[in-house]
Amino acid sequence: MSAHPHPPLEGPTSDPAGTSPAELAPAPDGRGAPKVVAEGVPSSVRPDPHADDGRRPVAWLHVNAPGRGVTPSVRSWCLCGRDLFAAGQARALALIGDHVQHRTVCPLLVSPEGKAA
């Protein structure tokens, strides 16, 4: 047996005099990303998924093309009041093209800056 007893294997350990818990260090490149995950792996802050960035859906296009031998259908609607429906391949393709055109002229989608230019 040795003259020095072994410390307990479980439980809190005592801090040597003059030391304190580790603090976050800035990244070596000075960007301020602290290293908290592992040595050399900077942590990152993820954007809040519930944050409101002001964007809202305005125009929708719903295409139903179930397969061969079945009539496709398309519905195009917009917050400006547009609500169109087409059935059949030729009419559905025409409405898809019209929906794309509407998105370039709709007053809710075109900014005032874009109109002035």
PDB file of N, CA and C in Angstrom:
ATOM      1  N   MET A   1       0.821  -1.174   0.000  1.00  0.00           N
ATOM      2  CA  MET A   1       0.000   0.000   0.000  1.00  0.00           C
ATOM      3  C   MET A   1       0.866   1.237   0.000  1.00  0.00           C
ATOM      4  N   SER A   2       0.359   2.277  -0.650  1.00  0.00           N
ATOM      5  CA  SER A   2       1.117   3.520  -0.684  1.00  0.00           C
ATOM      6  C   SER A   2       0.676   4.409   0.463  1.00  0.00           C
ATOM      7  N   ALA A   3       1.471   5.414   0.710  1.00  0.00           N
ATOM      8  CA  ALA A   3       1.190   6.318   1.809  1.00  0.00           C
ATOM      9  C   ALA A   3       0.090   7.308   1.446  1.00  0.00           C
ATOM     10  N   HIS A   4      -0.162   7.505   0.125  1.00  0.00           N
ATOM     11  CA  HIS A   4      -1.186   8.452  -0.316  1.00  0.00           C
ATOM     12  C   HIS A   4      -2.462   7.700  -0.695  1.00  0.00           C
ATOM     13  N   PRO A   5      -3.592   8.021  -0.052  1.00  0.00           N
ATOM     14  CA  PRO A   5      -4.835   7.337  -0.407  1.00  0.00           C
ATOM     15  C   PRO A   5      -5.324   7.817  -1.782  1.00  0.00           C
ATOM     16  N   HIS A   6      -6.003   6.929  -2.482  1.00  0.00           N
ATOM     17  CA  HIS A   6      -6.555   7.265  -3.802  1.00  0.00           C
ATOM     18  C   HIS A   6      -7.817   8.116  -3.622  1.00  0.00           C
ATOM     19  N   PRO A   7      -8.046   9.089  -4.528  1.00  0.00           N
ATOM     20  CA  PRO A   7      -9.283   9.870  -4.435  1.00  0.00           C
ATOM     21  C   PRO A   7     -10.473   8.995  -4.818  1.00  0.00           C
ATOM     22  N   PRO A   8     -11.666   9.358  -4.385  1.00  0.00           N
ATOM     23  CA  PRO A   8     -12.842   8.556  -4.746  1.00  0.00           C
ATOM     24  C   PRO A   8     -13.054   8.591  -6.257  1.00  0.00           C
ATOM     25  N   LEU A   9     -13.592   7.495  -6.808  1.00  0.00           N
ATOM     26  CA  LEU A   9     -13.791   7.399  -8.242  1.00  0.00           C
ATOM     27  C   LEU A   9     -15.038   8.147  -8.713  1.00  0.00           C
ATOM     28  N   GLU A  10     -16.000   8.401  -7.859  1.00  0.00           N
ATOM     29  CA  GLU A  10     -17.223   9.087  -8.241  1.00  0.00           C
ATOM     30  C   GLU A  10     -17.392  10.342  -7.399  1.00  0.00           C
ATOM     31  N   GLY A  11     -18.222  11.272  -7.925  1.00  0.00           N
ATOM     32  CA  GLY A  11     -18.516  12.476  -7.173  1.00  0.00           C
ATOM     33  C   GLY A  11     -17.697  13.648  -7.659  1.00  0.00           C
ATOM     34  N   PRO A  12     -17.983  14.830  -7.126  1.00  0.00           N
ATOM     35  CA  PRO A  12     -17.267  16.032  -7.559  1.00  0.00           C
ATOM     36  C   PRO A  12     -15.825  16.005  -7.110  1.00  0.00           C
ATOM     37  N   THR A  13     -14.998  16.593  -7.931  1.00  0.00           N
ATOM     38  CA  THR A  13     -13.582  16.687  -7.576  1.00  0.00           C
ATOM     39  C   THR A  13     -13.307  18.095  -7.107  1.00  0.00           C
ATOM     40  N   SER A  14     -12.343  18.258  -6.292  1.00  0.00           N
ATOM     41  CA  SER A  14     -12.006  19.594  -5.805  1.00  0.00           C
ATOM     42  C   SER A  14     -11.087  20.276  -6.813  1.00  0.00           C
ATOM     43  N   ASP A  15     -11.267  21.615  -6.958  1.00  0.00           N
ATOM     44  CA  ASP A  15     -10.425  22.389  -7.864  1.00  0.00           C
ATOM     45  C   ASP A  15      -9.137  22.751  -7.162  1.00  0.00           C
ATOM     46  N   PRO A  16      -8.014  22.640  -7.865  1.00  0.00           N
ATOM     47  CA  PRO A  16      -6.772  23.118  -7.259  1.00  0.00           C
ATOM     48  C   PRO A  16      -6.879  24.615  -6.998  1.00  0.00           C
ATOM     49  N   ALA A  17      -6.164  25.103  -6.049  1.00  0.00           N
ATOM     50  CA  ALA A  17      -6.215  26.516  -5.672  1.00  0.00           C
ATOM     51  C   ALA A  17      -5.831  27.396  -6.861  1.00  0.00           C
ATOM     52  N   GLY A  18      -6.594  28.480  -7.079  1.00  0.00           N
ATOM     53  CA  GLY A  18      -6.267  29.445  -8.116  1.00  0.00           C
ATOM     54  C   GLY A  18      -6.800  29.099  -9.498  1.00  0.00           C
ATOM     55  N   THR A  19      -7.614  28.076  -9.643  1.00  0.00           N
ATOM     56  CA  THR A  19      -8.164  27.730 -10.954  1.00  0.00           C
ATOM     57  C   THR A  19      -9.658  28.002 -10.968  1.00  0.00           C
ATOM     58  N   SER A  20     -10.221  28.135 -12.167  1.00  0.00           N
ATOM     59  CA  SER A  20     -11.652  28.354 -12.312  1.00  0.00           C
ATOM     60  C   SER A  20     -12.157  27.495 -13.459  1.00  0.00           C
ATOM     61  N   PRO A  21     -13.467  27.342 -13.571  1.00  0.00           N
ATOM     62  CA  PRO A  21     -14.000  26.556 -14.677  1.00  0.00           C
ATOM     63  C   PRO A  21     -13.595  27.157 -16.027  1.00  0.00           C
ATOM     64  N   ALA A  22     -13.563  26.316 -17.035  1.00  0.00           N
ATOM     65  CA  ALA A  22     -13.165  26.768 -18.370  1.00  0.00           C
ATOM     66  C   ALA A  22     -14.164  27.775 -18.910  1.00  0.00           C
ATOM     67  N   GLU A  23     -13.670  28.766 -19.646  1.00  0.00           N
ATOM     68  CA  GLU A  23     -14.508  29.762 -20.275  1.00  0.00           C
ATOM     69  C   GLU A  23     -14.410  29.607 -21.779  1.00  0.00           C
ATOM     70  N   LEU A  24     -15.432  30.094 -22.502  1.00  0.00           N
ATOM     71  CA  LEU A  24     -15.440  30.010 -23.951  1.00  0.00           C
ATOM     72  C   LEU A  24     -14.344  30.891 -24.533  1.00  0.00           C
ATOM     73  N   ALA A  25     -13.614  30.323 -25.447  1.00  0.00           N
ATOM     74  CA  ALA A  25     -12.548  31.075 -26.105  1.00  0.00           C
ATOM     75  C   ALA A  25     -13.015  31.500 -27.483  1.00  0.00           C
ATOM     76  N   PRO A  26     -12.644  32.702 -27.954  1.00  0.00           N
ATOM     77  CA  PRO A  26     -13.030  33.092 -29.309  1.00  0.00           C
ATOM     78  C   PRO A  26     -12.295  32.245 -30.337  1.00  0.00           C
ATOM     79  N   ALA A  27     -12.874  32.171 -31.522  1.00  0.00           N
ATOM     80  CA  ALA A  27     -12.251  31.405 -32.600  1.00  0.00           C
ATOM     81  C   ALA A  27     -10.920  32.040 -32.965  1.00  0.00           C
ATOM     82  N   PRO A  28      -9.947  31.250 -33.449  1.00  0.00           N
ATOM     83  CA  PRO A  28      -8.641  31.792 -33.781  1.00  0.00           C
ATOM     84  C   PRO A  28      -8.687  32.834 -34.901  1.00  0.00           C
ATOM     85  N   ASP A  29      -9.710  32.786 -35.758  1.00  0.00           N
ATOM     86  CA  ASP A  29      -9.761  33.754 -36.850  1.00  0.00           C
ATOM     87  C   ASP A  29     -10.429  35.050 -36.422  1.00  0.00           C
ATOM     88  N   GLY A  30     -10.864  35.165 -35.186  1.00  0.00           N
ATOM     89  CA  GLY A  30     -11.419  36.396 -34.669  1.00  0.00           C
ATOM     90  C   GLY A  30     -12.884  36.613 -34.991  1.00  0.00           C
ATOM     91  N   ARG A  31     -13.565  35.651 -35.566  1.00  0.00           N
ATOM     92  CA  ARG A  31     -14.971  35.826 -35.926  1.00  0.00           C
ATOM     93  C   ARG A  31     -15.897  35.724 -34.717  1.00  0.00           C
ATOM     94  N   GLY A  32     -15.412  35.262 -33.624  1.00  0.00           N
ATOM     95  CA  GLY A  32     -16.218  35.211 -32.424  1.00  0.00           C
ATOM     96  C   GLY A  32     -17.023  33.939 -32.252  1.00  0.00           C
ATOM     97  N   ALA A  33     -16.819  32.929 -33.076  1.00  0.00           N
ATOM     98  CA  ALA A  33     -17.528  31.667 -32.896  1.00  0.00           C
ATOM     99  C   ALA A  33     -16.819  30.872 -31.814  1.00  0.00           C
ATOM    100  N   PRO A  34     -17.440  30.705 -30.655  1.00  0.00           N
ATOM    101  CA  PRO A  34     -16.756  29.997 -29.575  1.00  0.00           C
ATOM    102  C   PRO A  34     -16.627  28.513 -29.861  1.00  0.00           C
ATOM    103  N   LYS A  35     -15.570  27.950 -29.335  1.00  0.00           N
ATOM    104  CA  LYS A  35     -15.365  26.504 -29.449  1.00  0.00           C
ATOM    105  C   LYS A  35     -16.006  25.859 -28.237  1.00  0.00           C
ATOM    106  N   VAL A  36     -17.118  25.186 -28.462  1.00  0.00           N
ATOM    107  CA  VAL A  36     -17.796  24.559 -27.343  1.00  0.00           C
ATOM    108  C   VAL A  36     -18.130  23.104 -27.600  1.00  0.00           C
ATOM    109  N   VAL A  37     -18.050  22.655 -28.840  1.00  0.00           N
ATOM    110  CA  VAL A  37     -18.431  21.288 -29.149  1.00  0.00           C
ATOM    111  C   VAL A  37     -17.264  20.350 -28.889  1.00  0.00           C
ATOM    112  N   ALA A  38     -16.159  20.607 -29.489  1.00  0.00           N
ATOM    113  CA  ALA A  38     -14.949  19.811 -29.300  1.00  0.00           C
ATOM    114  C   ALA A  38     -13.775  20.660 -29.752  1.00  0.00           C
ATOM    115  N   GLU A  39     -12.603  20.271 -29.407  1.00  0.00           N
ATOM    116  CA  GLU A  39     -11.428  21.029 -29.797  1.00  0.00           C
ATOM    117  C   GLU A  39     -11.357  21.147 -31.310  1.00  0.00           C
ATOM    118  N   GLY A  40     -11.317  22.380 -31.800  1.00  0.00           N
ATOM    119  CA  GLY A  40     -11.193  22.606 -33.233  1.00  0.00           C
ATOM    120  C   GLY A  40     -12.504  22.581 -33.989  1.00  0.00           C
ATOM    121  N   VAL A  41     -13.636  22.345 -33.314  1.00  0.00           N
ATOM    122  CA  VAL A  41     -14.936  22.301 -33.979  1.00  0.00           C
ATOM    123  C   VAL A  41     -15.743  23.490 -33.479  1.00  0.00           C
ATOM    124  N   PRO A  42     -15.864  24.566 -34.274  1.00  0.00           N
ATOM    125  CA  PRO A  42     -16.616  25.723 -33.806  1.00  0.00           C
ATOM    126  C   PRO A  42     -18.114  25.436 -33.783  1.00  0.00           C
ATOM    127  N   SER A  43     -18.777  25.987 -32.804  1.00  0.00           N
ATOM    128  CA  SER A  43     -20.220  25.819 -32.746  1.00  0.00           C
ATOM    129  C   SER A  43     -20.869  26.851 -33.657  1.00  0.00           C
ATOM    130  N   SER A  44     -22.115  26.618 -34.009  1.00  0.00           N
ATOM    131  CA  SER A  44     -22.836  27.595 -34.817  1.00  0.00           C
ATOM    132  C   SER A  44     -24.205  27.808 -34.212  1.00  0.00           C
ATOM    133  N   VAL A  45     -24.753  28.963 -34.451  1.00  0.00           N
ATOM    134  CA  VAL A  45     -26.079  29.277 -33.954  1.00  0.00           C
ATOM    135  C   VAL A  45     -27.045  29.093 -35.109  1.00  0.00           C
ATOM    136  N   ARG A  46     -28.027  28.247 -34.922  1.00  0.00           N
ATOM    137  CA  ARG A  46     -29.022  27.999 -35.958  1.00  0.00           C
ATOM    138  C   ARG A  46     -30.085  29.076 -35.911  1.00  0.00           C
ATOM    139  N   PRO A  47     -30.617  29.457 -37.068  1.00  0.00           N
ATOM    140  CA  PRO A  47     -31.693  30.446 -37.048  1.00  0.00           C
ATOM    141  C   PRO A  47     -32.941  29.875 -36.381  1.00  0.00           C
ATOM    142  N   ASP A  48     -33.701  30.748 -35.775  1.00  0.00           N
ATOM    143  CA  ASP A  48     -34.924  30.336 -35.099  1.00  0.00           C
ATOM    144  C   ASP A  48     -35.961  29.937 -36.147  1.00  0.00           C
ATOM    145  N   PRO A  49     -36.416  28.669 -36.157  1.00  0.00           N
ATOM    146  CA  PRO A  49     -37.375  28.250 -37.180  1.00  0.00           C
ATOM    147  C   PRO A  49     -38.739  28.924 -37.026  1.00  0.00           C
ATOM    148  N   HIS A  50     -39.004  29.506 -35.871  1.00  0.00           N
ATOM    149  CA  HIS A  50     -40.285  30.148 -35.637  1.00  0.00           C
ATOM    150  C   HIS A  50     -40.226  31.657 -35.838  1.00  0.00           C
ATOM    151  N   ALA A  51     -39.053  32.172 -36.218  1.00  0.00           N
ATOM    152  CA  ALA A  51     -38.918  33.609 -36.434  1.00  0.00           C
ATOM    153  C   ALA A  51     -39.689  34.020 -37.690  1.00  0.00           C
ATOM    154  N   ASP A  52     -40.324  35.165 -37.645  1.00  0.00           N
ATOM    155  CA  ASP A  52     -41.113  35.667 -38.772  1.00  0.00           C
ATOM    156  C   ASP A  52     -40.230  36.584 -39.602  1.00  0.00           C
ATOM    157  N   ASP A  53     -39.965  36.188 -40.849  1.00  0.00           N
ATOM    158  CA  ASP A  53     -39.132  37.016 -41.720  1.00  0.00           C
ATOM    159  C   ASP A  53     -39.963  37.887 -42.650  1.00  0.00           C
ATOM    160  N   GLY A  54     -41.285  37.889 -42.494  1.00  0.00           N
ATOM    161  CA  GLY A  54     -42.143  38.759 -43.275  1.00  0.00           C
ATOM    162  C   GLY A  54     -42.628  38.172 -44.590  1.00  0.00           C
ATOM    163  N   ARG A  55     -42.092  37.043 -45.011  1.00  0.00           N
ATOM    164  CA  ARG A  55     -42.531  36.455 -46.275  1.00  0.00           C
ATOM    165  C   ARG A  55     -43.826  35.677 -46.068  1.00  0.00           C
ATOM    166  N   ARG A  56     -44.700  35.738 -47.063  1.00  0.00           N
ATOM    167  CA  ARG A  56     -45.964  35.029 -47.016  1.00  0.00           C
ATOM    168  C   ARG A  56     -46.248  34.433 -48.390  1.00  0.00           C
ATOM    169  N   PRO A  57     -46.856  33.251 -48.451  1.00  0.00           N
ATOM    170  CA  PRO A  57     -47.262  32.725 -49.749  1.00  0.00           C
ATOM    171  C   PRO A  57     -48.384  33.589 -50.318  1.00  0.00           C
ATOM    172  N   VAL A  58     -48.310  33.871 -51.611  1.00  0.00           N
ATOM    173  CA  VAL A  58     -49.293  34.744 -52.247  1.00  0.00           C
ATOM    174  C   VAL A  58     -50.019  34.009 -53.362  1.00  0.00           C
ATOM    175  N   ALA A  59     -49.308  33.290 -54.216  1.00  0.00           N
ATOM    176  CA  ALA A  59     -49.917  32.618 -55.365  1.00  0.00           C
ATOM    177  C   ALA A  59     -49.582  31.131 -55.309  1.00  0.00           C
ATOM    178  N   TRP A  60     -50.582  30.287 -55.579  1.00  0.00           N
ATOM    179  CA  TRP A  60     -50.400  28.847 -55.532  1.00  0.00           C
ATOM    180  C   TRP A  60     -50.793  28.236 -56.862  1.00  0.00           C
ATOM    181  N   LEU A  61     -50.146  27.144 -57.191  1.00  0.00           N
ATOM    182  CA  LEU A  61     -50.482  26.364 -58.377  1.00  0.00           C
ATOM    183  C   LEU A  61     -50.540  24.908 -57.941  1.00  0.00           C
ATOM    184  N   HIS A  62     -51.702  24.278 -58.099  1.00  0.00           N
ATOM    185  CA  HIS A  62     -51.860  22.871 -57.726  1.00  0.00           C
ATOM    186  C   HIS A  62     -52.104  22.070 -58.995  1.00  0.00           C
ATOM    187  N   VAL A  63     -51.179  21.142 -59.285  1.00  0.00           N
ATOM    188  CA  VAL A  63     -51.275  20.316 -60.485  1.00  0.00           C
ATOM    189  C   VAL A  63     -51.589  18.890 -60.052  1.00  0.00           C
ATOM    190  N   ASN A  64     -52.618  18.305 -60.660  1.00  0.00           N
ATOM    191  CA  ASN A  64     -52.971  16.926 -60.386  1.00  0.00           C
ATOM    192  C   ASN A  64     -52.842  16.157 -61.703  1.00  0.00           C
ATOM    193  N   ALA A  65     -51.773  15.382 -61.816  1.00  0.00           N
ATOM    194  CA  ALA A  65     -51.528  14.584 -63.016  1.00  0.00           C
ATOM    195  C   ALA A  65     -51.299  13.143 -62.573  1.00  0.00           C
ATOM    196  N   PRO A  66     -52.367  12.388 -62.341  1.00  0.00           N
ATOM    197  CA  PRO A  66     -52.241  11.073 -61.726  1.00  0.00           C
ATOM    198  C   PRO A  66     -51.591   9.991 -62.581  1.00  0.00           C
ATOM    199  N   GLY A  67     -51.592  10.085 -63.885  1.00  0.00           N
ATOM    200  CA  GLY A  67     -50.940   9.063 -64.694  1.00  0.00           C
ATOM    201  C   GLY A  67     -51.583   8.949 -66.062  1.00  0.00           C
ATOM    202  N   ARG A  68     -51.175   7.932 -66.790  1.00  0.00           N
ATOM    203  CA  ARG A  68     -51.688   7.738 -68.150  1.00  0.00           C
ATOM    204  C   ARG A  68     -53.164   7.373 -68.137  1.00  0.00           C
ATOM    205  N   GLY A  69     -53.887   7.933 -69.095  1.00  0.00           N
ATOM    206  CA  GLY A  69     -55.291   7.612 -69.234  1.00  0.00           C
ATOM    207  C   GLY A  69     -56.198   8.357 -68.273  1.00  0.00           C
ATOM    208  N   VAL A  70     -55.648   9.215 -67.435  1.00  0.00           N
ATOM    209  CA  VAL A  70     -56.454   9.972 -66.477  1.00  0.00           C
ATOM    210  C   VAL A  70     -56.300  11.456 -66.810  1.00  0.00           C
ATOM    211  N   THR A  71     -57.380  12.194 -66.745  1.00  0.00           N
ATOM    212  CA  THR A  71     -57.372  13.611 -67.098  1.00  0.00           C
ATOM    213  C   THR A  71     -56.641  14.436 -66.041  1.00  0.00           C
ATOM    214  N   PRO A  72     -55.599  15.184 -66.433  1.00  0.00           N
ATOM    215  CA  PRO A  72     -54.922  16.056 -65.467  1.00  0.00           C
ATOM    216  C   PRO A  72     -55.764  17.296 -65.195  1.00  0.00           C
ATOM    217  N   SER A  73     -55.558  17.889 -64.041  1.00  0.00           N
ATOM    218  CA  SER A  73     -56.251  19.134 -63.708  1.00  0.00           C
ATOM    219  C   SER A  73     -55.291  20.074 -63.002  1.00  0.00           C
ATOM    220  N   VAL A  74     -55.576  21.367 -63.118  1.00  0.00           N
ATOM    221  CA  VAL A  74     -54.720  22.398 -62.528  1.00  0.00           C
ATOM    222  C   VAL A  74     -55.617  23.444 -61.890  1.00  0.00           C
ATOM    223  N   ARG A  75     -55.203  23.928 -60.733  1.00  0.00           N
ATOM    224  CA  ARG A  75     -55.889  25.046 -60.084  1.00  0.00           C
ATOM    225  C   ARG A  75     -54.848  26.102 -59.773  1.00  0.00           C
ATOM    226  N   SER A  76     -55.123  27.334 -60.162  1.00  0.00           N
ATOM    227  CA  SER A  76     -54.245  28.473 -59.907  1.00  0.00           C
ATOM    228  C   SER A  76     -55.032  29.483 -59.093  1.00  0.00           C
ATOM    229  N   TRP A  77     -54.490  29.878 -57.941  1.00  0.00           N
ATOM    230  CA  TRP A  77     -55.166  30.894 -57.161  1.00  0.00           C
ATOM    231  C   TRP A  77     -54.152  31.802 -56.506  1.00  0.00           C
ATOM    232  N   CYS A  78     -54.613  33.022 -56.191  1.00  0.00           N
ATOM    233  CA  CYS A  78     -53.744  34.073 -55.680  1.00  0.00           C
ATOM    234  C   CYS A  78     -54.533  34.900 -54.675  1.00  0.00           C
ATOM    235  N   LEU A  79     -53.836  35.544 -53.770  1.00  0.00           N
ATOM    236  CA  LEU A  79     -54.491  36.390 -52.781  1.00  0.00           C
ATOM    237  C   LEU A  79     -55.133  37.626 -53.396  1.00  0.00           C
ATOM    238  N   CYS A  80     -54.778  37.951 -54.629  1.00  0.00           N
ATOM    239  CA  CYS A  80     -55.382  39.108 -55.294  1.00  0.00           C
ATOM    240  C   CYS A  80     -56.802  38.808 -55.755  1.00  0.00           C
ATOM    241  N   GLY A  81     -57.260  37.569 -55.654  1.00  0.00           N
ATOM    242  CA  GLY A  81     -58.614  37.200 -56.045  1.00  0.00           C
ATOM    243  C   GLY A  81     -58.673  36.199 -57.180  1.00  0.00           C
ATOM    244  N   ARG A  82     -57.578  35.895 -57.779  1.00  0.00           N
ATOM    245  CA  ARG A  82     -57.528  34.942 -58.891  1.00  0.00           C
ATOM    246  C   ARG A  82     -57.837  33.541 -58.373  1.00  0.00           C
ATOM    247  N   ASP A  83     -58.713  32.815 -59.053  1.00  0.00           N
ATOM    248  CA  ASP A  83     -59.025  31.430 -58.714  1.00  0.00           C
ATOM    249  C   ASP A  83     -59.519  30.754 -59.995  1.00  0.00           C
ATOM    250  N   LEU A  84     -58.598  30.075 -60.695  1.00  0.00           N
ATOM    251  CA  LEU A  84     -58.915  29.453 -61.971  1.00  0.00           C
ATOM    252  C   LEU A  84     -58.679  27.950 -61.902  1.00  0.00           C
ATOM    253  N   PHE A  85     -59.472  27.201 -62.682  1.00  0.00           N
ATOM    254  CA  PHE A  85     -59.355  25.748 -62.736  1.00  0.00           C
ATOM    255  C   PHE A  85     -59.392  25.321 -64.195  1.00  0.00           C
ATOM    256  N   ALA A  86     -58.582  24.298 -64.523  1.00  0.00           N
ATOM    257  CA  ALA A  86     -58.596  23.750 -65.880  1.00  0.00           C
ATOM    258  C   ALA A  86     -58.429  22.243 -65.799  1.00  0.00           C
ATOM    259  N   ALA A  87     -59.139  21.527 -66.681  1.00  0.00           N
ATOM    260  CA  ALA A  87     -59.028  20.071 -66.766  1.00  0.00           C
ATOM    261  C   ALA A  87     -58.696  19.699 -68.202  1.00  0.00           C
ATOM    262  N   GLY A  88     -57.907  18.650 -68.353  1.00  0.00           N
ATOM    263  CA  GLY A  88     -57.457  18.226 -69.674  1.00  0.00           C
ATOM    264  C   GLY A  88     -56.032  18.699 -69.910  1.00  0.00           C
ATOM    265  N   GLN A  89     -55.290  17.933 -70.688  1.00  0.00           N
ATOM    266  CA  GLN A  89     -53.874  18.218 -70.862  1.00  0.00           C
ATOM    267  C   GLN A  89     -53.624  19.589 -71.485  1.00  0.00           C
ATOM    268  N   ALA A  90     -54.290  19.908 -72.574  1.00  0.00           N
ATOM    269  CA  ALA A  90     -54.035  21.182 -73.255  1.00  0.00           C
ATOM    270  C   ALA A  90     -54.423  22.368 -72.366  1.00  0.00           C
ATOM    271  N   ARG A  91     -55.591  22.294 -71.733  1.00  0.00           N
ATOM    272  CA  ARG A  91     -56.031  23.401 -70.868  1.00  0.00           C
ATOM    273  C   ARG A  91     -55.160  23.511 -69.621  1.00  0.00           C
ATOM    274  N   ALA A  92     -54.739  22.380 -69.075  1.00  0.00           N
ATOM    275  CA  ALA A  92     -53.873  22.399 -67.896  1.00  0.00           C
ATOM    276  C   ALA A  92     -52.540  23.063 -68.222  1.00  0.00           C
ATOM    277  N   LEU A  93     -51.942  22.703 -69.364  1.00  0.00           N
ATOM    278  CA  LEU A  93     -50.677  23.323 -69.765  1.00  0.00           C
ATOM    279  C   LEU A  93     -50.853  24.822 -70.003  1.00  0.00           C
ATOM    280  N   ALA A  94     -51.982  25.222 -70.587  1.00  0.00           N
ATOM    281  CA  ALA A  94     -52.240  26.642 -70.812  1.00  0.00           C
ATOM    282  C   ALA A  94     -52.377  27.397 -69.492  1.00  0.00           C
ATOM    283  N   LEU A  95     -53.048  26.793 -68.507  1.00  0.00           N
ATOM    284  CA  LEU A  95     -53.212  27.455 -67.215  1.00  0.00           C
ATOM    285  C   LEU A  95     -51.887  27.551 -66.464  1.00  0.00           C
ATOM    286  N   ILE A  96     -51.029  26.555 -66.606  1.00  0.00           N
ATOM    287  CA  ILE A  96     -49.703  26.627 -65.984  1.00  0.00           C
ATOM    288  C   ILE A  96     -48.938  27.815 -66.557  1.00  0.00           C
ATOM    289  N   GLY A  97     -48.958  27.968 -67.862  1.00  0.00           N
ATOM    290  CA  GLY A  97     -48.288  29.113 -68.489  1.00  0.00           C
ATOM    291  C   GLY A  97     -48.898  30.431 -68.052  1.00  0.00           C
ATOM    292  N   ASP A  98     -50.227  30.473 -67.939  1.00  0.00           N
ATOM    293  CA  ASP A  98     -50.905  31.685 -67.500  1.00  0.00           C
ATOM    294  C   ASP A  98     -50.553  32.016 -66.049  1.00  0.00           C
ATOM    295  N   HIS A  99     -50.413  31.004 -65.212  1.00  0.00           N
ATOM    296  CA  HIS A  99     -50.031  31.218 -63.812  1.00  0.00           C
ATOM    297  C   HIS A  99     -48.635  31.843 -63.734  1.00  0.00           C
ATOM    298  N   VAL A 100     -47.718  31.334 -64.530  1.00  0.00           N
ATOM    299  CA  VAL A 100     -46.357  31.893 -64.556  1.00  0.00           C
ATOM    300  C   VAL A 100     -46.421  33.358 -64.987  1.00  0.00           C
ATOM    301  N   GLN A 101     -47.217  33.666 -65.994  1.00  0.00           N
ATOM    302  CA  GLN A 101     -47.371  35.046 -66.458  1.00  0.00           C
ATOM    303  C   GLN A 101     -47.996  35.915 -65.366  1.00  0.00           C
ATOM    304  N   HIS A 102     -48.992  35.389 -64.658  1.00  0.00           N
ATOM    305  CA  HIS A 102     -49.648  36.155 -63.596  1.00  0.00           C
ATOM    306  C   HIS A 102     -48.661  36.557 -62.509  1.00  0.00           C
ATOM    307  N   ARG A 103     -47.733  35.687 -62.199  1.00  0.00           N
ATOM    308  CA  ARG A 103     -46.755  35.993 -61.154  1.00  0.00           C
ATOM    309  C   ARG A 103     -45.867  37.172 -61.521  1.00  0.00           C
ATOM    310  N   THR A 104     -45.751  37.499 -62.800  1.00  0.00           N
ATOM    311  CA  THR A 104     -44.928  38.646 -63.208  1.00  0.00           C
ATOM    312  C   THR A 104     -45.721  39.953 -63.210  1.00  0.00           C
ATOM    313  N   VAL A 105     -47.069  39.885 -63.176  1.00  0.00           N
ATOM    314  CA  VAL A 105     -47.879  41.098 -63.242  1.00  0.00           C
ATOM    315  C   VAL A 105     -48.768  41.315 -62.023  1.00  0.00           C
ATOM    316  N   CYS A 106     -48.880  40.354 -61.143  1.00  0.00           N
ATOM    317  CA  CYS A 106     -49.753  40.479 -59.972  1.00  0.00           C
ATOM    318  C   CYS A 106     -49.282  41.641 -59.088  1.00  0.00           C
ATOM    319  N   PRO A 107     -50.192  42.542 -58.684  1.00  0.00           N
ATOM    320  CA  PRO A 107     -49.782  43.675 -57.848  1.00  0.00           C
ATOM    321  C   PRO A 107     -49.273  43.261 -56.473  1.00  0.00           C
ATOM    322  N   LEU A 108     -49.636  42.085 -56.015  1.00  0.00           N
ATOM    323  CA  LEU A 108     -49.147  41.610 -54.715  1.00  0.00           C
ATOM    324  C   LEU A 108     -47.741  41.028 -54.793  1.00  0.00           C
ATOM    325  N   LEU A 109     -47.316  40.638 -55.992  1.00  0.00           N
ATOM    326  CA  LEU A 109     -46.006  40.011 -56.147  1.00  0.00           C
ATOM    327  C   LEU A 109     -44.958  40.948 -56.744  1.00  0.00           C
ATOM    328  N   VAL A 110     -45.390  41.956 -57.481  1.00  0.00           N
ATOM    329  CA  VAL A 110     -44.453  42.873 -58.122  1.00  0.00           C
ATOM    330  C   VAL A 110     -44.242  44.049 -57.190  1.00  0.00           C
ATOM    331  N   SER A 111     -42.983  44.321 -56.865  1.00  0.00           N
ATOM    332  CA  SER A 111     -42.676  45.422 -55.957  1.00  0.00           C
ATOM    333  C   SER A 111     -42.810  46.760 -56.685  1.00  0.00           C
ATOM    334  N   PRO A 112     -43.059  47.857 -55.959  1.00  0.00           N
ATOM    335  CA  PRO A 112     -43.124  49.167 -56.587  1.00  0.00           C
ATOM    336  C   PRO A 112     -41.798  49.550 -57.263  1.00  0.00           C
ATOM    337  N   GLU A 113     -40.684  49.095 -56.721  1.00  0.00           N
ATOM    338  CA  GLU A 113     -39.393  49.390 -57.329  1.00  0.00           C
ATOM    339  C   GLU A 113     -39.276  48.728 -58.694  1.00  0.00           C
ATOM    340  N   GLY A 114     -39.828  47.517 -58.822  1.00  0.00           N
ATOM    341  CA  GLY A 114     -39.769  46.807 -60.089  1.00  0.00           C
ATOM    342  C   GLY A 114     -40.618  47.476 -61.154  1.00  0.00           C
ATOM    343  N   LYS A 115     -41.757  48.064 -60.755  1.00  0.00           N
ATOM    344  CA  LYS A 115     -42.613  48.756 -61.710  1.00  0.00           C
ATOM    345  C   LYS A 115     -41.947  50.021 -62.236  1.00  0.00           C
ATOM    346  N   ALA A 116     -41.221  50.723 -61.357  1.00  0.00           N
ATOM    347  CA  ALA A 116     -40.578  51.983 -61.749  1.00  0.00           C
ATOM    348  C   ALA A 116     -39.442  51.729 -62.731  1.00  0.00           C
ATOM    349  N   ALA A 117     -38.797  50.585 -62.618  1.00  0.00           N
ATOM    350  CA  ALA A 117     -37.670  50.283 -63.495  1.00  0.00           C
ATOM    351  C   ALA A 117     -38.216  49.856 -64.820  1.00  0.00           C
TER     352      ALA A 117
END
